[in-house]
Amino acid sequence: MKIKDVERINALLKARDEVMALIERVERAEPADFQLMIERGGDGSIKLSEEGADSTHYQGYPVSPAFLTRLKVLALEELGARRGGIERELADLGVEIEE
């Protein structure tokens, strides 16, 4: 194994730890903790959230708990896919992940 491989493995292990920490935080979050921000120039930004409050920077719109639950599921799927990619790259380098 080359030193550059060891450095890459260390970087991947750090990235995996960071993604795992994010996944844990998202899993503990309630759907009401999620919001979707659509950023547009000027005052054209939109924030979809449980409360739907406006600000001077965006228009707020209330959304259903089911919508926020779907955001949570999407976040977990995205982070899981990122973790999977990191783990596949580690496997290609000969690293076995044991949990």
PDB file of N, CA and C in Angstrom:
ATOM      1  N   MET A   1       0.852  -1.177   0.000  1.00  0.00           N
ATOM      2  CA  MET A   1       0.000   0.000   0.000  1.00  0.00           C
ATOM      3  C   MET A   1       0.899   1.242   0.000  1.00  0.00           C
ATOM      4  N   LYS A   2       0.499   2.204  -0.782  1.00  0.00           N
ATOM      5  CA  LYS A   2       1.276   3.431  -0.907  1.00  0.00           C
ATOM      6  C   LYS A   2       0.821   4.458   0.126  1.00  0.00           C
ATOM      7  N   ILE A   3       1.711   5.372   0.425  1.00  0.00           N
ATOM      8  CA  ILE A   3       1.390   6.420   1.400  1.00  0.00           C
ATOM      9  C   ILE A   3       0.186   7.233   0.938  1.00  0.00           C
ATOM     10  N   LYS A   4       0.101   7.504  -0.362  1.00  0.00           N
ATOM     11  CA  LYS A   4      -1.054   8.275  -0.840  1.00  0.00           C
ATOM     12  C   LYS A   4      -2.350   7.509  -0.600  1.00  0.00           C
ATOM     13  N   ASP A   5      -2.296   6.160  -0.645  1.00  0.00           N
ATOM     14  CA  ASP A   5      -3.485   5.366  -0.331  1.00  0.00           C
ATOM     15  C   ASP A   5      -3.861   5.505   1.141  1.00  0.00           C
ATOM     16  N   VAL A   6      -2.881   5.505   2.011  1.00  0.00           N
ATOM     17  CA  VAL A   6      -3.130   5.667   3.443  1.00  0.00           C
ATOM     18  C   VAL A   6      -3.745   7.037   3.711  1.00  0.00           C
ATOM     19  N   GLU A   7      -3.210   8.054   3.054  1.00  0.00           N
ATOM     20  CA  GLU A   7      -3.757   9.406   3.226  1.00  0.00           C
ATOM     21  C   GLU A   7      -5.197   9.473   2.730  1.00  0.00           C
ATOM     22  N   ARG A   8      -5.461   8.819   1.599  1.00  0.00           N
ATOM     23  CA  ARG A   8      -6.824   8.804   1.061  1.00  0.00           C
ATOM     24  C   ARG A   8      -7.758   8.046   1.992  1.00  0.00           C
ATOM     25  N   ILE A   9      -7.309   6.928   2.520  1.00  0.00           N
ATOM     26  CA  ILE A   9      -8.119   6.154   3.468  1.00  0.00           C
ATOM     27  C   ILE A   9      -8.447   6.990   4.696  1.00  0.00           C
ATOM     28  N   ASN A  10      -7.457   7.674   5.232  1.00  0.00           N
ATOM     29  CA  ASN A  10      -7.699   8.524   6.407  1.00  0.00           C
ATOM     30  C   ASN A  10      -8.709   9.614   6.100  1.00  0.00           C
ATOM     31  N   ALA A  11      -8.593  10.229   4.923  1.00  0.00           N
ATOM     32  CA  ALA A  11      -9.549  11.272   4.537  1.00  0.00           C
ATOM     33  C   ALA A  11     -10.951  10.692   4.394  1.00  0.00           C
ATOM     34  N   LEU A  12     -11.048   9.507   3.809  1.00  0.00           N
ATOM     35  CA  LEU A  12     -12.352   8.867   3.650  1.00  0.00           C
ATOM     36  C   LEU A  12     -12.957   8.461   4.991  1.00  0.00           C
ATOM     37  N   LEU A  13     -12.133   7.961   5.891  1.00  0.00           N
ATOM     38  CA  LEU A  13     -12.636   7.597   7.221  1.00  0.00           C
ATOM     39  C   LEU A  13     -13.146   8.827   7.960  1.00  0.00           C
ATOM     40  N   LYS A  14     -12.445   9.937   7.828  1.00  0.00           N
ATOM     41  CA  LYS A  14     -12.900  11.188   8.453  1.00  0.00           C
ATOM     42  C   LYS A  14     -14.222  11.636   7.832  1.00  0.00           C
ATOM     43  N   ALA A  15     -14.312  11.569   6.499  1.00  0.00           N
ATOM     44  CA  ALA A  15     -15.550  11.956   5.823  1.00  0.00           C
ATOM     45  C   ALA A  15     -16.698  11.052   6.250  1.00  0.00           C
ATOM     46  N   ARG A  16     -16.437   9.755   6.399  1.00  0.00           N
ATOM     47  CA  ARG A  16     -17.475   8.819   6.831  1.00  0.00           C
ATOM     48  C   ARG A  16     -17.942   9.154   8.243  1.00  0.00           C
ATOM     49  N   ASP A  17     -17.000   9.451   9.132  1.00  0.00           N
ATOM     50  CA  ASP A  17     -17.372   9.830  10.503  1.00  0.00           C
ATOM     51  C   ASP A  17     -18.257  11.074  10.505  1.00  0.00           C
ATOM     52  N   GLU A  18     -17.911  12.041   9.666  1.00  0.00           N
ATOM     53  CA  GLU A  18     -18.703  13.273   9.592  1.00  0.00           C
ATOM     54  C   GLU A  18     -20.110  12.996   9.082  1.00  0.00           C
ATOM     55  N   VAL A  19     -20.233  12.163   8.051  1.00  0.00           N
ATOM     56  CA  VAL A  19     -21.547  11.819   7.511  1.00  0.00           C
ATOM     57  C   VAL A  19     -22.352  11.031   8.534  1.00  0.00           C
ATOM     58  N   MET A  20     -21.710  10.107   9.237  1.00  0.00           N
ATOM     59  CA  MET A  20     -22.408   9.336  10.261  1.00  0.00           C
ATOM     60  C   MET A  20     -22.940  10.252  11.369  1.00  0.00           C
ATOM     61  N   ALA A  21     -22.159  11.257  11.749  1.00  0.00           N
ATOM     62  CA  ALA A  21     -22.611  12.212  12.768  1.00  0.00           C
ATOM     63  C   ALA A  21     -23.810  13.008  12.258  1.00  0.00           C
ATOM     64  N   LEU A  22     -23.779  13.394  10.992  1.00  0.00           N
ATOM     65  CA  LEU A  22     -24.926  14.106  10.413  1.00  0.00           C
ATOM     66  C   LEU A  22     -26.160  13.217  10.384  1.00  0.00           C
ATOM     67  N   ILE A  23     -25.986  11.967  10.006  1.00  0.00           N
ATOM     68  CA  ILE A  23     -27.114  11.032   9.971  1.00  0.00           C
ATOM     69  C   ILE A  23     -27.731  10.895  11.353  1.00  0.00           C
ATOM     70  N   GLU A  24     -26.900  10.772  12.374  1.00  0.00           N
ATOM     71  CA  GLU A  24     -27.422  10.671  13.743  1.00  0.00           C
ATOM     72  C   GLU A  24     -28.220  11.905  14.124  1.00  0.00           C
ATOM     73  N   ARG A  25     -27.726  13.094  13.749  1.00  0.00           N
ATOM     74  CA  ARG A  25     -28.443  14.332  14.069  1.00  0.00           C
ATOM     75  C   ARG A  25     -29.781  14.393  13.345  1.00  0.00           C
ATOM     76  N   VAL A  26     -29.796  13.994  12.078  1.00  0.00           N
ATOM     77  CA  VAL A  26     -31.037  14.024  11.304  1.00  0.00           C
ATOM     78  C   VAL A  26     -32.027  13.007  11.872  1.00  0.00           C
ATOM     79  N   GLU A  27     -31.554  11.826  12.239  1.00  0.00           N
ATOM     80  CA  GLU A  27     -32.441  10.811  12.806  1.00  0.00           C
ATOM     81  C   GLU A  27     -33.107  11.301  14.086  1.00  0.00           C
ATOM     82  N   ARG A  28     -32.391  12.072  14.895  1.00  0.00           N
ATOM     83  CA  ARG A  28     -32.944  12.574  16.164  1.00  0.00           C
ATOM     84  C   ARG A  28     -33.868  13.773  15.966  1.00  0.00           C
ATOM     85  N   ALA A  29     -33.762  14.446  14.835  1.00  0.00           N
ATOM     86  CA  ALA A  29     -34.548  15.657  14.598  1.00  0.00           C
ATOM     87  C   ALA A  29     -36.017  15.315  14.365  1.00  0.00           C
ATOM     88  N   GLU A  30     -36.874  16.181  14.808  1.00  0.00           N
ATOM     89  CA  GLU A  30     -38.304  16.056  14.566  1.00  0.00           C
ATOM     90  C   GLU A  30     -38.613  16.649  13.191  1.00  0.00           C
ATOM     91  N   PRO A  31     -39.654  16.169  12.533  1.00  0.00           N
ATOM     92  CA  PRO A  31     -40.000  16.742  11.232  1.00  0.00           C
ATOM     93  C   PRO A  31     -40.176  18.264  11.270  1.00  0.00           C
ATOM     94  N   ALA A  32     -40.689  18.786  12.369  1.00  0.00           N
ATOM     95  CA  ALA A  32     -40.877  20.238  12.484  1.00  0.00           C
ATOM     96  C   ALA A  32     -39.553  21.002  12.484  1.00  0.00           C
ATOM     97  N   ASP A  33     -38.435  20.307  12.696  1.00  0.00           N
ATOM     98  CA  ASP A  33     -37.125  20.951  12.666  1.00  0.00           C
ATOM     99  C   ASP A  33     -36.645  21.204  11.233  1.00  0.00           C
ATOM    100  N   PHE A  34     -37.331  20.626  10.259  1.00  0.00           N
ATOM    101  CA  PHE A  34     -36.923  20.742   8.864  1.00  0.00           C
ATOM    102  C   PHE A  34     -37.639  21.893   8.186  1.00  0.00           C
ATOM    103  N   GLN A  35     -36.970  22.459   7.184  1.00  0.00           N
ATOM    104  CA  GLN A  35     -37.564  23.486   6.352  1.00  0.00           C
ATOM    105  C   GLN A  35     -36.878  23.460   5.000  1.00  0.00           C
ATOM    106  N   LEU A  36     -37.586  23.934   4.009  1.00  0.00           N
ATOM    107  CA  LEU A  36     -37.040  23.993   2.666  1.00  0.00           C
ATOM    108  C   LEU A  36     -36.916  25.452   2.282  1.00  0.00           C
ATOM    109  N   MET A  37     -35.711  25.841   1.902  1.00  0.00           N
ATOM    110  CA  MET A  37     -35.459  27.222   1.508  1.00  0.00           C
ATOM    111  C   MET A  37     -35.186  27.248   0.017  1.00  0.00           C
ATOM    112  N   ILE A  38     -35.938  28.048  -0.701  1.00  0.00           N
ATOM    113  CA  ILE A  38     -35.730  28.248  -2.132  1.00  0.00           C
ATOM    114  C   ILE A  38     -35.218  29.676  -2.272  1.00  0.00           C
ATOM    115  N   GLU A  39     -33.937  29.796  -2.538  1.00  0.00           N
ATOM    116  CA  GLU A  39     -33.311  31.112  -2.564  1.00  0.00           C
ATOM    117  C   GLU A  39     -33.304  31.684  -3.974  1.00  0.00           C
ATOM    118  N   ARG A  40     -33.883  32.866  -4.087  1.00  0.00           N
ATOM    119  CA  ARG A  40     -33.926  33.614  -5.330  1.00  0.00           C
ATOM    120  C   ARG A  40     -33.418  35.015  -5.027  1.00  0.00           C
ATOM    121  N   GLY A  41     -33.064  35.716  -6.029  1.00  0.00           N
ATOM    122  CA  GLY A  41     -32.568  37.074  -5.821  1.00  0.00           C
ATOM    123  C   GLY A  41     -33.623  38.000  -5.248  1.00  0.00           C
ATOM    124  N   GLY A  42     -33.151  39.026  -4.577  1.00  0.00           N
ATOM    125  CA  GLY A  42     -34.060  40.023  -4.007  1.00  0.00           C
ATOM    126  C   GLY A  42     -34.991  39.425  -2.980  1.00  0.00           C
ATOM    127  N   ASP A  43     -36.269  39.780  -3.093  1.00  0.00           N
ATOM    128  CA  ASP A  43     -37.244  39.278  -2.124  1.00  0.00           C
ATOM    129  C   ASP A  43     -38.029  38.085  -2.689  1.00  0.00           C
ATOM    130  N   GLY A  44     -37.451  37.380  -3.657  1.00  0.00           N
ATOM    131  CA  GLY A  44     -38.126  36.255  -4.284  1.00  0.00           C
ATOM    132  C   GLY A  44     -37.911  34.924  -3.591  1.00  0.00           C
ATOM    133  N   SER A  45     -37.191  34.905  -2.475  1.00  0.00           N
ATOM    134  CA  SER A  45     -36.928  33.650  -1.783  1.00  0.00           C
ATOM    135  C   SER A  45     -38.171  33.152  -1.054  1.00  0.00           C
ATOM    136  N   ILE A  46     -38.249  31.831  -0.918  1.00  0.00           N
ATOM    137  CA  ILE A  46     -39.403  31.197  -0.284  1.00  0.00           C
ATOM    138  C   ILE A  46     -38.900  30.225   0.777  1.00  0.00           C
ATOM    139  N   LYS A  47     -39.548  30.227   1.923  1.00  0.00           N
ATOM    140  CA  LYS A  47     -39.226  29.290   2.995  1.00  0.00           C
ATOM    141  C   LYS A  47     -40.479  28.497   3.319  1.00  0.00           C
ATOM    142  N   LEU A  48     -40.391  27.175   3.142  1.00  0.00           N
ATOM    143  CA  LEU A  48     -41.488  26.281   3.485  1.00  0.00           C
ATOM    144  C   LEU A  48     -41.154  25.642   4.826  1.00  0.00           C
ATOM    145  N   SER A  49     -42.013  25.855   5.809  1.00  0.00           N
ATOM    146  CA  SER A  49     -41.736  25.362   7.155  1.00  0.00           C
ATOM    147  C   SER A  49     -43.042  25.118   7.905  1.00  0.00           C
ATOM    148  N   GLU A  50     -42.898  24.590   9.099  1.00  0.00           N
ATOM    149  CA  GLU A  50     -44.085  24.317   9.907  1.00  0.00           C
ATOM    150  C   GLU A  50     -44.863  25.602  10.202  1.00  0.00           C
ATOM    151  N   GLU A  51     -44.130  26.649  10.594  1.00  0.00           N
ATOM    152  CA  GLU A  51     -44.815  27.883  10.975  1.00  0.00           C
ATOM    153  C   GLU A  51     -45.124  28.788   9.792  1.00  0.00           C
ATOM    154  N   GLY A  52     -44.337  28.713   8.727  1.00  0.00           N
ATOM    155  CA  GLY A  52     -44.600  29.518   7.538  1.00  0.00           C
ATOM    156  C   GLY A  52     -44.431  31.009   7.731  1.00  0.00           C
ATOM    157  N   ALA A  53     -43.589  31.408   8.677  1.00  0.00           N
ATOM    158  CA  ALA A  53     -43.410  32.831   8.970  1.00  0.00           C
ATOM    159  C   ALA A  53     -42.608  33.533   7.870  1.00  0.00           C
ATOM    160  N   ASP A  54     -43.010  34.775   7.574  1.00  0.00           N
ATOM    161  CA  ASP A  54     -42.297  35.626   6.622  1.00  0.00           C
ATOM    162  C   ASP A  54     -41.135  36.323   7.305  1.00  0.00           C
ATOM    163  N   SER A  55     -40.196  36.793   6.492  1.00  0.00           N
ATOM    164  CA  SER A  55     -39.162  37.698   6.979  1.00  0.00           C
ATOM    165  C   SER A  55     -38.934  38.733   5.889  1.00  0.00           C
ATOM    166  N   THR A  56     -38.023  39.649   6.120  1.00  0.00           N
ATOM    167  CA  THR A  56     -37.730  40.652   5.101  1.00  0.00           C
ATOM    168  C   THR A  56     -36.964  40.050   3.934  1.00  0.00           C
ATOM    169  N   HIS A  57     -36.435  38.818   4.094  1.00  0.00           N
ATOM    170  CA  HIS A  57     -35.617  38.180   3.061  1.00  0.00           C
ATOM    171  C   HIS A  57     -36.340  37.082   2.293  1.00  0.00           C
ATOM    172  N   TYR A  58     -37.503  36.644   2.761  1.00  0.00           N
ATOM    173  CA  TYR A  58     -38.226  35.560   2.094  1.00  0.00           C
ATOM    174  C   TYR A  58     -39.694  35.578   2.481  1.00  0.00           C
ATOM    175  N   GLN A  59     -40.500  34.952   1.626  1.00  0.00           N
ATOM    176  CA  GLN A  59     -41.893  34.717   1.953  1.00  0.00           C
ATOM    177  C   GLN A  59     -41.987  33.352   2.608  1.00  0.00           C
ATOM    178  N   GLY A  60     -42.722  33.275   3.685  1.00  0.00           N
ATOM    179  CA  GLY A  60     -42.889  32.005   4.373  1.00  0.00           C
ATOM    180  C   GLY A  60     -44.220  31.371   4.043  1.00  0.00           C
ATOM    181  N   TYR A  61     -44.205  30.062   3.904  1.00  0.00           N
ATOM    182  CA  TYR A  61     -45.426  29.315   3.644  1.00  0.00           C
ATOM    183  C   TYR A  61     -45.470  28.120   4.584  1.00  0.00           C
ATOM    184  N   PRO A  62     -46.586  27.920   5.265  1.00  0.00           N
ATOM    185  CA  PRO A  62     -46.703  26.730   6.126  1.00  0.00           C
ATOM    186  C   PRO A  62     -46.919  25.480   5.276  1.00  0.00           C
ATOM    187  N   VAL A  63     -46.322  24.397   5.715  1.00  0.00           N
ATOM    188  CA  VAL A  63     -46.487  23.114   5.025  1.00  0.00           C
ATOM    189  C   VAL A  63     -46.911  22.062   6.038  1.00  0.00           C
ATOM    190  N   SER A  64     -47.405  20.964   5.531  1.00  0.00           N
ATOM    191  CA  SER A  64     -47.935  19.905   6.401  1.00  0.00           C
ATOM    192  C   SER A  64     -46.805  19.128   7.072  1.00  0.00           C
ATOM    193  N   PRO A  65     -47.116  18.504   8.205  1.00  0.00           N
ATOM    194  CA  PRO A  65     -46.137  17.617   8.847  1.00  0.00           C
ATOM    195  C   PRO A  65     -45.689  16.492   7.911  1.00  0.00           C
ATOM    196  N   ALA A  66     -46.582  16.014   7.042  1.00  0.00           N
ATOM    197  CA  ALA A  66     -46.212  14.948   6.100  1.00  0.00           C
ATOM    198  C   ALA A  66     -45.127  15.428   5.133  1.00  0.00           C
ATOM    199  N   PHE A  67     -45.227  16.671   4.684  1.00  0.00           N
ATOM    200  CA  PHE A  67     -44.208  17.233   3.797  1.00  0.00           C
ATOM    201  C   PHE A  67     -42.869  17.298   4.519  1.00  0.00           C
ATOM    202  N   LEU A  68     -42.881  17.746   5.754  1.00  0.00           N
ATOM    203  CA  LEU A  68     -41.635  17.857   6.518  1.00  0.00           C
ATOM    204  C   LEU A  68     -41.048  16.474   6.809  1.00  0.00           C
ATOM    205  N   THR A  69     -41.902  15.497   7.034  1.00  0.00           N
ATOM    206  CA  THR A  69     -41.421  14.121   7.222  1.00  0.00           C
ATOM    207  C   THR A  69     -40.739  13.634   5.956  1.00  0.00           C
ATOM    208  N   ARG A  70     -41.298  13.970   4.796  1.00  0.00           N
ATOM    209  CA  ARG A  70     -40.675  13.582   3.528  1.00  0.00           C
ATOM    210  C   ARG A  70     -39.316  14.254   3.363  1.00  0.00           C
ATOM    211  N   LEU A  71     -39.190  15.504   3.816  1.00  0.00           N
ATOM    212  CA  LEU A  71     -37.879  16.170   3.771  1.00  0.00           C
ATOM    213  C   LEU A  71     -36.861  15.421   4.623  1.00  0.00           C
ATOM    214  N   LYS A  72     -37.301  14.982   5.798  1.00  0.00           N
ATOM    215  CA  LYS A  72     -36.405  14.218   6.674  1.00  0.00           C
ATOM    216  C   LYS A  72     -35.973  12.925   5.990  1.00  0.00           C
ATOM    217  N   VAL A  73     -36.913  12.225   5.378  1.00  0.00           N
ATOM    218  CA  VAL A  73     -36.590  10.979   4.680  1.00  0.00           C
ATOM    219  C   VAL A  73     -35.609  11.256   3.537  1.00  0.00           C
ATOM    220  N   LEU A  74     -35.846  12.316   2.782  1.00  0.00           N
ATOM    221  CA  LEU A  74     -34.938  12.673   1.687  1.00  0.00           C
ATOM    222  C   LEU A  74     -33.538  12.983   2.208  1.00  0.00           C
ATOM    223  N   ALA A  75     -33.467  13.699   3.316  1.00  0.00           N
ATOM    224  CA  ALA A  75     -32.158  14.027   3.903  1.00  0.00           C
ATOM    225  C   ALA A  75     -31.427  12.750   4.306  1.00  0.00           C
ATOM    226  N   LEU A  76     -32.146  11.829   4.927  1.00  0.00           N
ATOM    227  CA  LEU A  76     -31.523  10.569   5.341  1.00  0.00           C
ATOM    228  C   LEU A  76     -31.090   9.738   4.134  1.00  0.00           C
ATOM    229  N   GLU A  77     -31.905   9.731   3.086  1.00  0.00           N
ATOM    230  CA  GLU A  77     -31.528   8.998   1.868  1.00  0.00           C
ATOM    231  C   GLU A  77     -30.272   9.595   1.251  1.00  0.00           C
ATOM    232  N   GLU A  78     -30.196  10.916   1.163  1.00  0.00           N
ATOM    233  CA  GLU A  78     -29.037  11.584   0.570  1.00  0.00           C
ATOM    234  C   GLU A  78     -27.771  11.314   1.378  1.00  0.00           C
ATOM    235  N   LEU A  79     -27.870  11.449   2.688  1.00  0.00           N
ATOM    236  CA  LEU A  79     -26.705  11.190   3.532  1.00  0.00           C
ATOM    237  C   LEU A  79     -26.311   9.716   3.497  1.00  0.00           C
ATOM    238  N   GLY A  80     -27.299   8.833   3.446  1.00  0.00           N
ATOM    239  CA  GLY A  80     -27.010   7.408   3.338  1.00  0.00           C
ATOM    240  C   GLY A  80     -26.295   7.073   2.035  1.00  0.00           C
ATOM    241  N   ALA A  81     -26.724   7.720   0.953  1.00  0.00           N
ATOM    242  CA  ALA A  81     -26.063   7.504  -0.341  1.00  0.00           C
ATOM    243  C   ALA A  81     -24.628   8.020  -0.306  1.00  0.00           C
ATOM    244  N   ARG A  82     -24.428   9.153   0.357  1.00  0.00           N
ATOM    245  CA  ARG A  82     -23.071   9.691   0.487  1.00  0.00           C
ATOM    246  C   ARG A  82     -22.199   8.738   1.297  1.00  0.00           C
ATOM    247  N   ARG A  83     -22.749   8.231   2.398  1.00  0.00           N
ATOM    248  CA  ARG A  83     -22.010   7.263   3.210  1.00  0.00           C
ATOM    249  C   ARG A  83     -21.682   6.014   2.391  1.00  0.00           C
ATOM    250  N   GLY A  84     -22.664   5.537   1.629  1.00  0.00           N
ATOM    251  CA  GLY A  84     -22.445   4.363   0.788  1.00  0.00           C
ATOM    252  C   GLY A  84     -21.336   4.572  -0.225  1.00  0.00           C
ATOM    253  N   GLY A  85     -21.279   5.749  -0.820  1.00  0.00           N
ATOM    254  CA  GLY A  85     -20.215   6.054  -1.775  1.00  0.00           C
ATOM    255  C   GLY A  85     -18.848   6.042  -1.123  1.00  0.00           C
ATOM    256  N   ILE A  86     -18.774   6.600   0.059  1.00  0.00           N
ATOM    257  CA  ILE A  86     -17.506   6.610   0.803  1.00  0.00           C
ATOM    258  C   ILE A  86     -17.093   5.186   1.142  1.00  0.00           C
ATOM    259  N   GLU A  87     -18.053   4.383   1.592  1.00  0.00           N
ATOM    260  CA  GLU A  87     -17.746   3.005   1.971  1.00  0.00           C
ATOM    261  C   GLU A  87     -17.329   2.160   0.765  1.00  0.00           C
ATOM    262  N   ARG A  88     -17.939   2.419  -0.394  1.00  0.00           N
ATOM    263  CA  ARG A  88     -17.518   1.699  -1.608  1.00  0.00           C
ATOM    264  C   ARG A  88     -16.088   2.075  -1.990  1.00  0.00           C
ATOM    265  N   GLU A  89     -15.769   3.344  -1.859  1.00  0.00           N
ATOM    266  CA  GLU A  89     -14.410   3.779  -2.174  1.00  0.00           C
ATOM    267  C   GLU A  89     -13.406   3.162  -1.194  1.00  0.00           C
ATOM    268  N   LEU A  90     -13.784   3.090   0.072  1.00  0.00           N
ATOM    269  CA  LEU A  90     -12.919   2.431   1.056  1.00  0.00           C
ATOM    270  C   LEU A  90     -12.747   0.952   0.721  1.00  0.00           C
ATOM    271  N   ALA A  91     -13.823   0.294   0.322  1.00  0.00           N
ATOM    272  CA  ALA A  91     -13.745  -1.122  -0.044  1.00  0.00           C
ATOM    273  C   ALA A  91     -12.820  -1.326  -1.237  1.00  0.00           C
ATOM    274  N   ASP A  92     -12.878  -0.397  -2.196  1.00  0.00           N
ATOM    275  CA  ASP A  92     -11.988  -0.481  -3.362  1.00  0.00           C
ATOM    276  C   ASP A  92     -10.521  -0.377  -2.954  1.00  0.00           C
ATOM    277  N   LEU A  93     -10.285   0.290  -1.814  1.00  0.00           N
ATOM    278  CA  LEU A  93      -8.919   0.424  -1.296  1.00  0.00           C
ATOM    279  C   LEU A  93      -8.569  -0.707  -0.332  1.00  0.00           C
ATOM    280  N   GLY A  94      -9.478  -1.667  -0.163  1.00  0.00           N
ATOM    281  CA  GLY A  94      -9.194  -2.831   0.680  1.00  0.00           C
ATOM    282  C   GLY A  94      -9.587  -2.679   2.128  1.00  0.00           C
ATOM    283  N   VAL A  95     -10.375  -1.640   2.453  1.00  0.00           N
ATOM    284  CA  VAL A  95     -10.777  -1.412   3.839  1.00  0.00           C
ATOM    285  C   VAL A  95     -12.143  -2.068   4.072  1.00  0.00           C
ATOM    286  N   GLU A  96     -12.230  -2.882   5.112  1.00  0.00           N
ATOM    287  CA  GLU A  96     -13.502  -3.502   5.495  1.00  0.00           C
ATOM    288  C   GLU A  96     -14.120  -2.703   6.631  1.00  0.00           C
ATOM    289  N   ILE A  97     -15.377  -2.359   6.475  1.00  0.00           N
ATOM    290  CA  ILE A  97     -16.098  -1.618   7.498  1.00  0.00           C
ATOM    291  C   ILE A  97     -16.844  -2.609   8.366  1.00  0.00           C
ATOM    292  N   GLU A  98     -16.547  -2.609   9.658  1.00  0.00           N
ATOM    293  CA  GLU A  98     -17.249  -3.452  10.612  1.00  0.00           C
ATOM    294  C   GLU A  98     -18.015  -2.571  11.563  1.00  0.00           C
ATOM    295  N   GLU A  99     -19.275  -2.953  11.787  1.00  0.00           N
ATOM    296  CA  GLU A  99     -20.088  -2.155  12.714  1.00  0.00           C
ATOM    297  C   GLU A  99     -20.678  -3.029  13.767  1.00  0.00           C
TER     298      GLU A  99
END
